[in-house]
Amino acid sequence: MKYQVKMYVSYKDGILDPVGKTTSSALASLGYANVGEVAVGKYITFELDAPSVEKAEAQIKEMAEKLLTNPIIEQYRFECK
């Protein structure tokens, strides 16, 4: 069965997000002083062929840990439909 996967990757709490900080500063300089802390992450989509949703989810986790994320500084969540 084919599954559509949407993965959201962001920095773990306490890890500096330089792109988020730069974006926050840029927004403030454009007059958007009411914007709080900004976080910038990754959004990954792909199609996965697997025999069951359980097998698909196990493979997604394995791919995330091996390639799609840096498990030391990033966290992720995904949707598999």
PDB file of N, CA and C in Angstrom:
ATOM      1  N   MET A   1       0.847  -1.174   0.000  1.00  0.00           N
ATOM      2  CA  MET A   1       0.000   0.000   0.000  1.00  0.00           C
ATOM      3  C   MET A   1       0.892   1.236   0.000  1.00  0.00           C
ATOM      4  N   LYS A   2       0.459   2.270  -0.694  1.00  0.00           N
ATOM      5  CA  LYS A   2       1.219   3.512  -0.753  1.00  0.00           C
ATOM      6  C   LYS A   2       0.729   4.478   0.318  1.00  0.00           C
ATOM      7  N   TYR A   3       1.691   5.077   1.007  1.00  0.00           N
ATOM      8  CA  TYR A   3       1.392   6.045   2.064  1.00  0.00           C
ATOM      9  C   TYR A   3       2.006   7.388   1.708  1.00  0.00           C
ATOM     10  N   GLN A   4       1.279   8.436   2.008  1.00  0.00           N
ATOM     11  CA  GLN A   4       1.785   9.795   1.863  1.00  0.00           C
ATOM     12  C   GLN A   4       2.348  10.207   3.219  1.00  0.00           C
ATOM     13  N   VAL A   5       3.602  10.626   3.228  1.00  0.00           N
ATOM     14  CA  VAL A   5       4.266  10.978   4.477  1.00  0.00           C
ATOM     15  C   VAL A   5       4.578  12.468   4.495  1.00  0.00           C
ATOM     16  N   LYS A   6       4.253  13.101   5.601  1.00  0.00           N
ATOM     17  CA  LYS A   6       4.598  14.499   5.846  1.00  0.00           C
ATOM     18  C   LYS A   6       5.423  14.530   7.123  1.00  0.00           C
ATOM     19  N   MET A   7       6.655  15.038   7.029  1.00  0.00           N
ATOM     20  CA  MET A   7       7.546  15.073   8.185  1.00  0.00           C
ATOM     21  C   MET A   7       7.908  16.520   8.497  1.00  0.00           C
ATOM     22  N   TYR A   8       7.831  16.844   9.768  1.00  0.00           N
ATOM     23  CA  TYR A   8       8.160  18.182  10.258  1.00  0.00           C
ATOM     24  C   TYR A   8       9.386  18.053  11.155  1.00  0.00           C
ATOM     25  N   VAL A   9      10.437  18.802  10.823  1.00  0.00           N
ATOM     26  CA  VAL A   9      11.696  18.728  11.559  1.00  0.00           C
ATOM     27  C   VAL A   9      11.992  20.099  12.158  1.00  0.00           C
ATOM     28  N   SER A  10      12.348  20.126  13.432  1.00  0.00           N
ATOM     29  CA  SER A  10      12.697  21.384  14.094  1.00  0.00           C
ATOM     30  C   SER A  10      13.831  21.127  15.083  1.00  0.00           C
ATOM     31  N   TYR A  11      14.456  22.223  15.529  1.00  0.00           N
ATOM     32  CA  TYR A  11      15.504  22.087  16.531  1.00  0.00           C
ATOM     33  C   TYR A  11      14.899  21.663  17.863  1.00  0.00           C
ATOM     34  N   LYS A  12      15.646  20.900  18.637  1.00  0.00           N
ATOM     35  CA  LYS A  12      15.239  20.546  19.989  1.00  0.00           C
ATOM     36  C   LYS A  12      15.271  21.800  20.853  1.00  0.00           C
ATOM     37  N   ASP A  13      14.515  21.783  21.946  1.00  0.00           N
ATOM     38  CA  ASP A  13      14.528  22.903  22.888  1.00  0.00           C
ATOM     39  C   ASP A  13      15.950  23.147  23.376  1.00  0.00           C
ATOM     40  N   GLY A  14      16.327  24.411  23.442  1.00  0.00           N
ATOM     41  CA  GLY A  14      17.649  24.781  23.928  1.00  0.00           C
ATOM     42  C   GLY A  14      18.718  24.859  22.855  1.00  0.00           C
ATOM     43  N   ILE A  15      18.396  24.451  21.625  1.00  0.00           N
ATOM     44  CA  ILE A  15      19.358  24.523  20.520  1.00  0.00           C
ATOM     45  C   ILE A  15      19.145  25.838  19.776  1.00  0.00           C
ATOM     46  N   LEU A  16      20.221  26.575  19.541  1.00  0.00           N
ATOM     47  CA  LEU A  16      20.147  27.847  18.839  1.00  0.00           C
ATOM     48  C   LEU A  16      19.666  27.638  17.408  1.00  0.00           C
ATOM     49  N   ASP A  17      18.693  28.428  16.997  1.00  0.00           N
ATOM     50  CA  ASP A  17      18.149  28.401  15.637  1.00  0.00           C
ATOM     51  C   ASP A  17      18.594  29.693  14.944  1.00  0.00           C
ATOM     52  N   PRO A  18      19.756  29.702  14.267  1.00  0.00           N
ATOM     53  CA  PRO A  18      20.262  30.936  13.677  1.00  0.00           C
ATOM     54  C   PRO A  18      19.341  31.520  12.607  1.00  0.00           C
ATOM     55  N   VAL A  19      18.703  30.682  11.820  1.00  0.00           N
ATOM     56  CA  VAL A  19      17.793  31.188  10.789  1.00  0.00           C
ATOM     57  C   VAL A  19      16.562  31.805  11.446  1.00  0.00           C
ATOM     58  N   GLY A  20      16.071  31.179  12.497  1.00  0.00           N
ATOM     59  CA  GLY A  20      14.934  31.727  13.238  1.00  0.00           C
ATOM     60  C   GLY A  20      15.261  33.082  13.845  1.00  0.00           C
ATOM     61  N   LYS A  21      16.460  33.208  14.442  1.00  0.00           N
ATOM     62  CA  LYS A  21      16.885  34.480  15.040  1.00  0.00           C
ATOM     63  C   LYS A  21      17.004  35.566  13.978  1.00  0.00           C
ATOM     64  N   THR A  22      17.600  35.230  12.838  1.00  0.00           N
ATOM     65  CA  THR A  22      17.755  36.192  11.747  1.00  0.00           C
ATOM     66  C   THR A  22      16.392  36.622  11.220  1.00  0.00           C
ATOM     67  N   THR A  23      15.482  35.673  11.065  1.00  0.00           N
ATOM     68  CA  THR A  23      14.141  35.987  10.586  1.00  0.00           C
ATOM     69  C   THR A  23      13.412  36.871  11.580  1.00  0.00           C
ATOM     70  N   SER A  24      13.546  36.570  12.858  1.00  0.00           N
ATOM     71  CA  SER A  24      12.918  37.382  13.906  1.00  0.00           C
ATOM     72  C   SER A  24      13.441  38.814  13.863  1.00  0.00           C
ATOM     73  N   SER A  25      14.759  38.982  13.743  1.00  0.00           N
ATOM     74  CA  SER A  25      15.353  40.323  13.664  1.00  0.00           C
ATOM     75  C   SER A  25      14.884  41.064  12.425  1.00  0.00           C
ATOM     76  N   ALA A  26      14.820  40.364  11.298  1.00  0.00           N
ATOM     77  CA  ALA A  26      14.378  40.990  10.049  1.00  0.00           C
ATOM     78  C   ALA A  26      12.923  41.448  10.154  1.00  0.00           C
ATOM     79  N   LEU A  27      12.079  40.627  10.758  1.00  0.00           N
ATOM     80  CA  LEU A  27      10.674  41.016  10.932  1.00  0.00           C
ATOM     81  C   LEU A  27      10.560  42.253  11.824  1.00  0.00           C
ATOM     82  N   ALA A  28      11.344  42.279  12.893  1.00  0.00           N
ATOM     83  CA  ALA A  28      11.329  43.441  13.796  1.00  0.00           C
ATOM     84  C   ALA A  28      11.792  44.697  13.057  1.00  0.00           C
ATOM     85  N   SER A  29      12.821  44.576  12.222  1.00  0.00           N
ATOM     86  CA  SER A  29      13.316  45.745  11.488  1.00  0.00           C
ATOM     87  C   SER A  29      12.318  46.221  10.435  1.00  0.00           C
ATOM     88  N   LEU A  30      11.432  45.350  10.018  1.00  0.00           N
ATOM     89  CA  LEU A  30      10.377  45.737   9.073  1.00  0.00           C
ATOM     90  C   LEU A  30       9.144  46.297   9.782  1.00  0.00           C
ATOM     91  N   GLY A  31       9.223  46.404  11.094  1.00  0.00           N
ATOM     92  CA  GLY A  31       8.131  46.997  11.845  1.00  0.00           C
ATOM     93  C   GLY A  31       7.191  46.006  12.507  1.00  0.00           C
ATOM     94  N   TYR A  32       7.509  44.728  12.417  1.00  0.00           N
ATOM     95  CA  TYR A  32       6.652  43.709  13.033  1.00  0.00           C
ATOM     96  C   TYR A  32       7.191  43.368  14.423  1.00  0.00           C
ATOM     97  N   ALA A  33       7.171  44.338  15.305  1.00  0.00           N
ATOM     98  CA  ALA A  33       7.714  44.172  16.655  1.00  0.00           C
ATOM     99  C   ALA A  33       6.862  43.245  17.514  1.00  0.00           C
ATOM    100  N   ASN A  34       5.642  42.978  17.092  1.00  0.00           N
ATOM    101  CA  ASN A  34       4.745  42.127  17.874  1.00  0.00           C
ATOM    102  C   ASN A  34       4.956  40.638  17.618  1.00  0.00           C
ATOM    103  N   VAL A  35       5.913  40.272  16.768  1.00  0.00           N
ATOM    104  CA  VAL A  35       6.199  38.867  16.495  1.00  0.00           C
ATOM    105  C   VAL A  35       7.153  38.348  17.561  1.00  0.00           C
ATOM    106  N   GLY A  36       6.816  37.228  18.153  1.00  0.00           N
ATOM    107  CA  GLY A  36       7.655  36.632  19.191  1.00  0.00           C
ATOM    108  C   GLY A  36       8.762  35.779  18.592  1.00  0.00           C
ATOM    109  N   GLU A  37       9.189  34.804  19.349  1.00  0.00           N
ATOM    110  CA  GLU A  37      10.275  33.931  18.922  1.00  0.00           C
ATOM    111  C   GLU A  37       9.900  33.196  17.629  1.00  0.00           C
ATOM    112  N   VAL A  38      10.811  33.175  16.677  1.00  0.00           N
ATOM    113  CA  VAL A  38      10.589  32.536  15.383  1.00  0.00           C
ATOM    114  C   VAL A  38      11.436  31.272  15.304  1.00  0.00           C
ATOM    115  N   ALA A  39      10.847  30.197  14.832  1.00  0.00           N
ATOM    116  CA  ALA A  39      11.573  28.950  14.603  1.00  0.00           C
ATOM    117  C   ALA A  39      11.418  28.570  13.135  1.00  0.00           C
ATOM    118  N   VAL A  40      12.520  28.189  12.520  1.00  0.00           N
ATOM    119  CA  VAL A  40      12.506  27.766  11.123  1.00  0.00           C
ATOM    120  C   VAL A  40      12.971  26.317  11.073  1.00  0.00           C
ATOM    121  N   GLY A  41      12.197  25.477  10.415  1.00  0.00           N
ATOM    122  CA  GLY A  41      12.538  24.062  10.339  1.00  0.00           C
ATOM    123  C   GLY A  41      12.443  23.544   8.925  1.00  0.00           C
ATOM    124  N   LYS A  42      12.297  22.236   8.801  1.00  0.00           N
ATOM    125  CA  LYS A  42      12.182  21.579   7.501  1.00  0.00           C
ATOM    126  C   LYS A  42      10.828  20.880   7.413  1.00  0.00           C
ATOM    127  N   TYR A  43      10.316  20.848   6.199  1.00  0.00           N
ATOM    128  CA  TYR A  43       9.085  20.129   5.909  1.00  0.00           C
ATOM    129  C   TYR A  43       9.418  19.177   4.765  1.00  0.00           C
ATOM    130  N   ILE A  44       9.293  17.882   4.999  1.00  0.00           N
ATOM    131  CA  ILE A  44       9.664  16.874   4.013  1.00  0.00           C
ATOM    132  C   ILE A  44       8.433  16.044   3.684  1.00  0.00           C
ATOM    133  N   THR A  45       8.186  15.847   2.408  1.00  0.00           N
ATOM    134  CA  THR A  45       7.086  14.980   1.988  1.00  0.00           C
ATOM    135  C   THR A  45       7.642  13.895   1.070  1.00  0.00           C
ATOM    136  N   PHE A  46       7.069  12.711   1.181  1.00  0.00           N
ATOM    137  CA  PHE A  46       7.430  11.636   0.259  1.00  0.00           C
ATOM    138  C   PHE A  46       6.355  10.565   0.283  1.00  0.00           C
ATOM    139  N   GLU A  47       6.417   9.715  -0.719  1.00  0.00           N
ATOM    140  CA  GLU A  47       5.504   8.589  -0.833  1.00  0.00           C
ATOM    141  C   GLU A  47       6.281   7.333  -0.462  1.00  0.00           C
ATOM    142  N   LEU A  48       5.639   6.444   0.281  1.00  0.00           N
ATOM    143  CA  LEU A  48       6.300   5.224   0.747  1.00  0.00           C
ATOM    144  C   LEU A  48       5.386   4.033   0.496  1.00  0.00           C
ATOM    145  N   ASP A  49       5.928   3.010  -0.116  1.00  0.00           N
ATOM    146  CA  ASP A  49       5.183   1.774  -0.365  1.00  0.00           C
ATOM    147  C   ASP A  49       5.559   0.775   0.725  1.00  0.00           C
ATOM    148  N   ALA A  50       4.585   0.345   1.518  1.00  0.00           N
ATOM    149  CA  ALA A  50       4.828  -0.590   2.616  1.00  0.00           C
ATOM    150  C   ALA A  50       3.605  -1.497   2.793  1.00  0.00           C
ATOM    151  N   PRO A  51       3.818  -2.693   3.345  1.00  0.00           N
ATOM    152  CA  PRO A  51       2.704  -3.638   3.498  1.00  0.00           C
ATOM    153  C   PRO A  51       1.674  -3.239   4.558  1.00  0.00           C
ATOM    154  N   SER A  52       2.077  -2.402   5.535  1.00  0.00           N
ATOM    155  CA  SER A  52       1.142  -1.978   6.580  1.00  0.00           C
ATOM    156  C   SER A  52       1.594  -0.624   7.120  1.00  0.00           C
ATOM    157  N   VAL A  53       0.685   0.053   7.807  1.00  0.00           N
ATOM    158  CA  VAL A  53       1.034   1.348   8.386  1.00  0.00           C
ATOM    159  C   VAL A  53       2.101   1.185   9.467  1.00  0.00           C
ATOM    160  N   GLU A  54       2.067   0.078  10.192  1.00  0.00           N
ATOM    161  CA  GLU A  54       3.073  -0.167  11.222  1.00  0.00           C
ATOM    162  C   GLU A  54       4.465  -0.292  10.617  1.00  0.00           C
ATOM    163  N   LYS A  55       4.570  -1.023   9.512  1.00  0.00           N
ATOM    164  CA  LYS A  55       5.862  -1.178   8.823  1.00  0.00           C
ATOM    165  C   LYS A  55       6.300   0.154   8.231  1.00  0.00           C
ATOM    166  N   ALA A  56       5.357   0.909   7.697  1.00  0.00           N
ATOM    167  CA  ALA A  56       5.685   2.218   7.135  1.00  0.00           C
ATOM    168  C   ALA A  56       6.230   3.133   8.222  1.00  0.00           C
ATOM    169  N   GLU A  57       5.567   3.186   9.355  1.00  0.00           N
ATOM    170  CA  GLU A  57       6.010   4.054  10.446  1.00  0.00           C
ATOM    171  C   GLU A  57       7.380   3.646  10.975  1.00  0.00           C
ATOM    172  N   ALA A  58       7.639   2.355  11.056  1.00  0.00           N
ATOM    173  CA  ALA A  58       8.952   1.881  11.504  1.00  0.00           C
ATOM    174  C   ALA A  58      10.035   2.310  10.520  1.00  0.00           C
ATOM    175  N   GLN A  59       9.738   2.212   9.237  1.00  0.00           N
ATOM    176  CA  GLN A  59      10.716   2.601   8.221  1.00  0.00           C
ATOM    177  C   GLN A  59      10.933   4.113   8.222  1.00  0.00           C
ATOM    178  N   ILE A  60       9.877   4.876   8.414  1.00  0.00           N
ATOM    179  CA  ILE A  60       9.990   6.341   8.477  1.00  0.00           C
ATOM    180  C   ILE A  60      10.895   6.745   9.638  1.00  0.00           C
ATOM    181  N   LYS A  61      10.693   6.140  10.794  1.00  0.00           N
ATOM    182  CA  LYS A  61      11.532   6.444  11.963  1.00  0.00           C
ATOM    183  C   LYS A  61      12.994   6.104  11.686  1.00  0.00           C
ATOM    184  N   GLU A  62      13.226   4.977  11.042  1.00  0.00           N
ATOM    185  CA  GLU A  62      14.588   4.566  10.715  1.00  0.00           C
ATOM    186  C   GLU A  62      15.231   5.564   9.742  1.00  0.00           C
ATOM    187  N   MET A  63      14.488   5.974   8.719  1.00  0.00           N
ATOM    188  CA  MET A  63      15.014   6.945   7.755  1.00  0.00           C
ATOM    189  C   MET A  63      15.293   8.286   8.417  1.00  0.00           C
ATOM    190  N   ALA A  64      14.416   8.694   9.324  1.00  0.00           N
ATOM    191  CA  ALA A  64      14.606   9.965  10.027  1.00  0.00           C
ATOM    192  C   ALA A  64      15.878   9.943  10.858  1.00  0.00           C
ATOM    193  N   GLU A  65      16.111   8.844  11.554  1.00  0.00           N
ATOM    194  CA  GLU A  65      17.288   8.737  12.419  1.00  0.00           C
ATOM    195  C   GLU A  65      18.586   8.612  11.621  1.00  0.00           C
ATOM    196  N   LYS A  66      18.532   7.977  10.446  1.00  0.00           N
ATOM    197  CA  LYS A  66      19.741   7.739   9.663  1.00  0.00           C
ATOM    198  C   LYS A  66      20.090   8.868   8.705  1.00  0.00           C
ATOM    199  N   LEU A  67      19.078   9.581   8.174  1.00  0.00           N
ATOM    200  CA  LEU A  67      19.367  10.547   7.116  1.00  0.00           C
ATOM    201  C   LEU A  67      18.594  11.857   7.202  1.00  0.00           C
ATOM    202  N   LEU A  68      17.309  11.783   7.449  1.00  0.00           N
ATOM    203  CA  LEU A  68      16.460  12.969   7.295  1.00  0.00           C
ATOM    204  C   LEU A  68      16.597  13.996   8.412  1.00  0.00           C
ATOM    205  N   THR A  69      17.105  13.591   9.558  1.00  0.00           N
ATOM    206  CA  THR A  69      17.284  14.523  10.679  1.00  0.00           C
ATOM    207  C   THR A  69      18.663  14.317  11.307  1.00  0.00           C
ATOM    208  N   ASN A  70      19.049  15.275  12.102  1.00  0.00           N
ATOM    209  CA  ASN A  70      20.236  15.123  12.941  1.00  0.00           C
ATOM    210  C   ASN A  70      19.699  14.885  14.353  1.00  0.00           C
ATOM    211  N   PRO A  71      19.651  13.643  14.811  1.00  0.00           N
ATOM    212  CA  PRO A  71      19.008  13.332  16.091  1.00  0.00           C
ATOM    213  C   PRO A  71      19.658  13.986  17.305  1.00  0.00           C
ATOM    214  N   ILE A  72      20.860  14.509  17.152  1.00  0.00           N
ATOM    215  CA  ILE A  72      21.524  15.169  18.271  1.00  0.00           C
ATOM    216  C   ILE A  72      20.881  16.530  18.548  1.00  0.00           C
ATOM    217  N   ILE A  73      20.517  17.264  17.482  1.00  0.00           N
ATOM    218  CA  ILE A  73      20.000  18.622  17.664  1.00  0.00           C
ATOM    219  C   ILE A  73      18.580  18.831  17.150  1.00  0.00           C
ATOM    220  N   GLU A  74      18.035  17.844  16.433  1.00  0.00           N
ATOM    221  CA  GLU A  74      16.708  18.022  15.847  1.00  0.00           C
ATOM    222  C   GLU A  74      15.707  17.001  16.384  1.00  0.00           C
ATOM    223  N   GLN A  75      14.456  17.413  16.347  1.00  0.00           N
ATOM    224  CA  GLN A  75      13.339  16.525  16.673  1.00  0.00           C
ATOM    225  C   GLN A  75      12.417  16.500  15.462  1.00  0.00           C
ATOM    226  N   TYR A  76      11.576  15.500  15.400  1.00  0.00           N
ATOM    227  CA  TYR A  76      10.671  15.401  14.258  1.00  0.00           C
ATOM    228  C   TYR A  76       9.348  14.785  14.678  1.00  0.00           C
ATOM    229  N   ARG A  77       8.382  15.011  13.828  1.00  0.00           N
ATOM    230  CA  ARG A  77       7.103  14.325  13.932  1.00  0.00           C
ATOM    231  C   ARG A  77       6.645  14.097  12.505  1.00  0.00           C
ATOM    232  N   PHE A  78       5.750  13.135  12.318  1.00  0.00           N
ATOM    233  CA  PHE A  78       5.302  12.860  10.958  1.00  0.00           C
ATOM    234  C   PHE A  78       3.856  12.398  10.950  1.00  0.00           C
ATOM    235  N   GLU A  79       3.266  12.529   9.781  1.00  0.00           N
ATOM    236  CA  GLU A  79       1.931  12.009   9.507  1.00  0.00           C
ATOM    237  C   GLU A  79       2.087  11.006   8.376  1.00  0.00           C
ATOM    238  N   CYS A  80       1.421   9.894   8.502  1.00  0.00           N
ATOM    239  CA  CYS A  80       1.484   8.838   7.492  1.00  0.00           C
ATOM    240  C   CYS A  80       0.054   8.439   7.167  1.00  0.00           C
ATOM    241  N   LYS A  81      -0.382   8.765   5.953  1.00  0.00           N
ATOM    242  CA  LYS A  81      -1.772   8.472   5.560  1.00  0.00           C
ATOM    243  C   LYS A  81      -1.795   7.737   4.254  1.00  0.00           C
TER     244      LYS A  81
END
